[in-house]
Amino acid sequence: MQYLIAAYRIRARLAITIHDEVRYLVAEVDALRAALALQIANLWVRSIFAYRVGIDDLPNVPELMIDNPFCSRWLSFRQLILIGF
């Protein structure tokens, strides 16, 4: 994710990591690009793990897209916005 943030000049920084969850603070104008970068980073990680354990092909639809149909985001005035995909 850090590589994608630097390569595409996304205004974001890591806020917190807990177990298998990461949260980024992102400028509002870069929110959609950061969401896409997070999806790409997730796919890269899944691909590397699959390659290392000898799985030659991955499903066409990653579990992230199936399990998490909404993207949640807190605004500065503490409203939670759910954005459906």
C-alpha atoms as a PDB file:
ATOM      1  CA  MET A   1       0.000   0.000   0.000  1.00  0.00           C
ATOM      2  CA  GLN A   2       2.847   2.409   0.789  1.00  0.00           C
ATOM      3  CA  TYR A   3       4.248   1.812  -2.694  1.00  0.00           C
ATOM      4  CA  LEU A   4       0.901   2.634  -4.338  1.00  0.00           C
ATOM      5  CA  ILE A   5       0.432   5.729  -2.171  1.00  0.00           C
ATOM      6  CA  ALA A   6       3.862   7.021  -3.163  1.00  0.00           C
ATOM      7  CA  ALA A   7       3.648   6.010  -6.837  1.00  0.00           C
ATOM      8  CA  TYR A   8       0.271   7.639  -7.433  1.00  0.00           C
ATOM      9  CA  ARG A   9       0.733  10.531  -4.992  1.00  0.00           C
ATOM     10  CA  ILE A  10      -2.324   9.651  -2.943  1.00  0.00           C
ATOM     11  CA  ARG A  11      -2.643  11.910   0.083  1.00  0.00           C
ATOM     12  CA  ALA A  12      -2.951   9.230   2.742  1.00  0.00           C
ATOM     13  CA  ARG A  13      -1.149   7.915   5.768  1.00  0.00           C
ATOM     14  CA  LEU A  14      -1.441   4.863   7.944  1.00  0.00           C
ATOM     15  CA  ALA A  15      -3.561   5.550  11.025  1.00  0.00           C
ATOM     16  CA  ILE A  16      -3.774   2.213  12.851  1.00  0.00           C
ATOM     17  CA  THR A  17      -3.359  -1.523  12.332  1.00  0.00           C
ATOM     18  CA  ILE A  18      -5.154  -4.115  14.433  1.00  0.00           C
ATOM     19  CA  HIS A  19      -4.588  -7.809  13.667  1.00  0.00           C
ATOM     20  CA  ASP A  20      -5.697  -8.156  10.029  1.00  0.00           C
ATOM     21  CA  GLU A  21      -7.252  -4.687   9.667  1.00  0.00           C
ATOM     22  CA  VAL A  22      -5.612  -1.453   8.535  1.00  0.00           C
ATOM     23  CA  ARG A  23      -7.015   2.071   8.618  1.00  0.00           C
ATOM     24  CA  TYR A  24      -5.735   5.006   6.601  1.00  0.00           C
ATOM     25  CA  LEU A  25      -6.384   8.736   6.910  1.00  0.00           C
ATOM     26  CA  VAL A  26      -7.071   9.925   3.367  1.00  0.00           C
ATOM     27  CA  ALA A  27      -7.785  13.323   1.873  1.00  0.00           C
ATOM     28  CA  GLU A  28     -11.361  13.465   0.629  1.00  0.00           C
ATOM     29  CA  VAL A  29     -10.312  14.121  -2.968  1.00  0.00           C
ATOM     30  CA  ASP A  30      -8.201  10.932  -2.960  1.00  0.00           C
ATOM     31  CA  ALA A  31     -10.718   8.666  -1.189  1.00  0.00           C
ATOM     32  CA  LEU A  32     -11.714   6.632  -4.238  1.00  0.00           C
ATOM     33  CA  ARG A  33      -8.140   6.247  -5.468  1.00  0.00           C
ATOM     34  CA  ALA A  34      -7.081   5.109  -1.991  1.00  0.00           C
ATOM     35  CA  ALA A  35      -9.912   2.558  -1.919  1.00  0.00           C
ATOM     36  CA  LEU A  36      -8.753   1.214  -5.281  1.00  0.00           C
ATOM     37  CA  ALA A  37      -5.129   1.110  -4.094  1.00  0.00           C
ATOM     38  CA  LEU A  38      -6.205  -0.850  -1.015  1.00  0.00           C
ATOM     39  CA  GLN A  39      -8.018  -3.386  -3.222  1.00  0.00           C
ATOM     40  CA  ILE A  40      -4.945  -3.731  -5.446  1.00  0.00           C
ATOM     41  CA  ALA A  41      -2.636  -4.151  -2.436  1.00  0.00           C
ATOM     42  CA  ASN A  42      -4.967  -6.826  -1.050  1.00  0.00           C
ATOM     43  CA  LEU A  43      -4.884  -8.698  -4.362  1.00  0.00           C
ATOM     44  CA  TRP A  44      -1.069  -8.514  -4.458  1.00  0.00           C
ATOM     45  CA  VAL A  45      -0.821  -9.950  -0.940  1.00  0.00           C
ATOM     46  CA  ARG A  46      -3.256 -12.775  -1.767  1.00  0.00           C
ATOM     47  CA  SER A  47      -1.318 -13.551  -4.941  1.00  0.00           C
ATOM     48  CA  ILE A  48       2.044 -13.695  -3.174  1.00  0.00           C
ATOM     49  CA  PHE A  49       0.704 -15.998  -0.458  1.00  0.00           C
ATOM     50  CA  ALA A  50      -0.972 -18.250  -3.016  1.00  0.00           C
ATOM     51  CA  TYR A  51       2.228 -18.449  -5.049  1.00  0.00           C
ATOM     52  CA  ARG A  52       4.346 -19.257  -1.995  1.00  0.00           C
ATOM     53  CA  VAL A  53       2.114 -22.163  -0.933  1.00  0.00           C
ATOM     54  CA  GLY A  54       1.810 -23.507  -4.476  1.00  0.00           C
ATOM     55  CA  ILE A  55      -1.721 -22.468  -5.435  1.00  0.00           C
ATOM     56  CA  ASP A  56      -1.480 -21.729  -9.143  1.00  0.00           C
ATOM     57  CA  ASP A  57      -4.764 -19.919  -9.664  1.00  0.00           C
ATOM     58  CA  LEU A  58      -6.983 -17.702  -7.546  1.00  0.00           C
ATOM     59  CA  PRO A  59     -10.762 -17.327  -7.751  1.00  0.00           C
ATOM     60  CA  ASN A  60     -11.949 -14.650 -10.186  1.00  0.00           C
ATOM     61  CA  VAL A  61     -13.711 -12.729  -7.391  1.00  0.00           C
ATOM     62  CA  PRO A  62     -11.658 -12.048  -4.243  1.00  0.00           C
ATOM     63  CA  GLU A  63     -13.374 -12.705  -0.914  1.00  0.00           C
ATOM     64  CA  LEU A  64     -12.958  -9.044   0.033  1.00  0.00           C
ATOM     65  CA  MET A  65     -15.482  -8.049  -2.604  1.00  0.00           C
ATOM     66  CA  ILE A  66     -17.954 -10.704  -1.439  1.00  0.00           C
ATOM     67  CA  ASP A  67     -17.601 -10.368   2.341  1.00  0.00           C
ATOM     68  CA  ASN A  68     -17.475  -6.572   2.502  1.00  0.00           C
ATOM     69  CA  PRO A  69     -20.183  -5.120   0.261  1.00  0.00           C
ATOM     70  CA  PHE A  70     -19.877  -1.692   1.904  1.00  0.00           C
ATOM     71  CA  CYS A  71     -17.022   0.713   2.391  1.00  0.00           C
ATOM     72  CA  SER A  72     -17.320   2.580   5.666  1.00  0.00           C
ATOM     73  CA  ARG A  73     -15.855   5.987   6.249  1.00  0.00           C
ATOM     74  CA  TRP A  74     -15.920   8.417   9.180  1.00  0.00           C
ATOM     75  CA  LEU A  75     -16.195  12.088   8.423  1.00  0.00           C
ATOM     76  CA  SER A  76     -14.645  14.753  10.616  1.00  0.00           C
ATOM     77  CA  PHE A  77     -18.001  15.501  12.241  1.00  0.00           C
ATOM     78  CA  ARG A  78     -18.402  11.818  13.222  1.00  0.00           C
ATOM     79  CA  GLN A  79     -20.976  10.609  10.734  1.00  0.00           C
ATOM     80  CA  LEU A  80     -20.415   7.141   9.352  1.00  0.00           C
ATOM     81  CA  ILE A  81     -21.016   6.919   5.636  1.00  0.00           C
ATOM     82  CA  LEU A  82     -21.612   3.542   4.002  1.00  0.00           C
ATOM     83  CA  ILE A  83     -20.834   3.436   0.321  1.00  0.00           C
ATOM     84  CA  GLY A  84     -22.198   0.394  -1.502  1.00  0.00           C
ATOM     85  CA  PHE A  85     -20.278  -1.107  -4.403  1.00  0.00           C
END
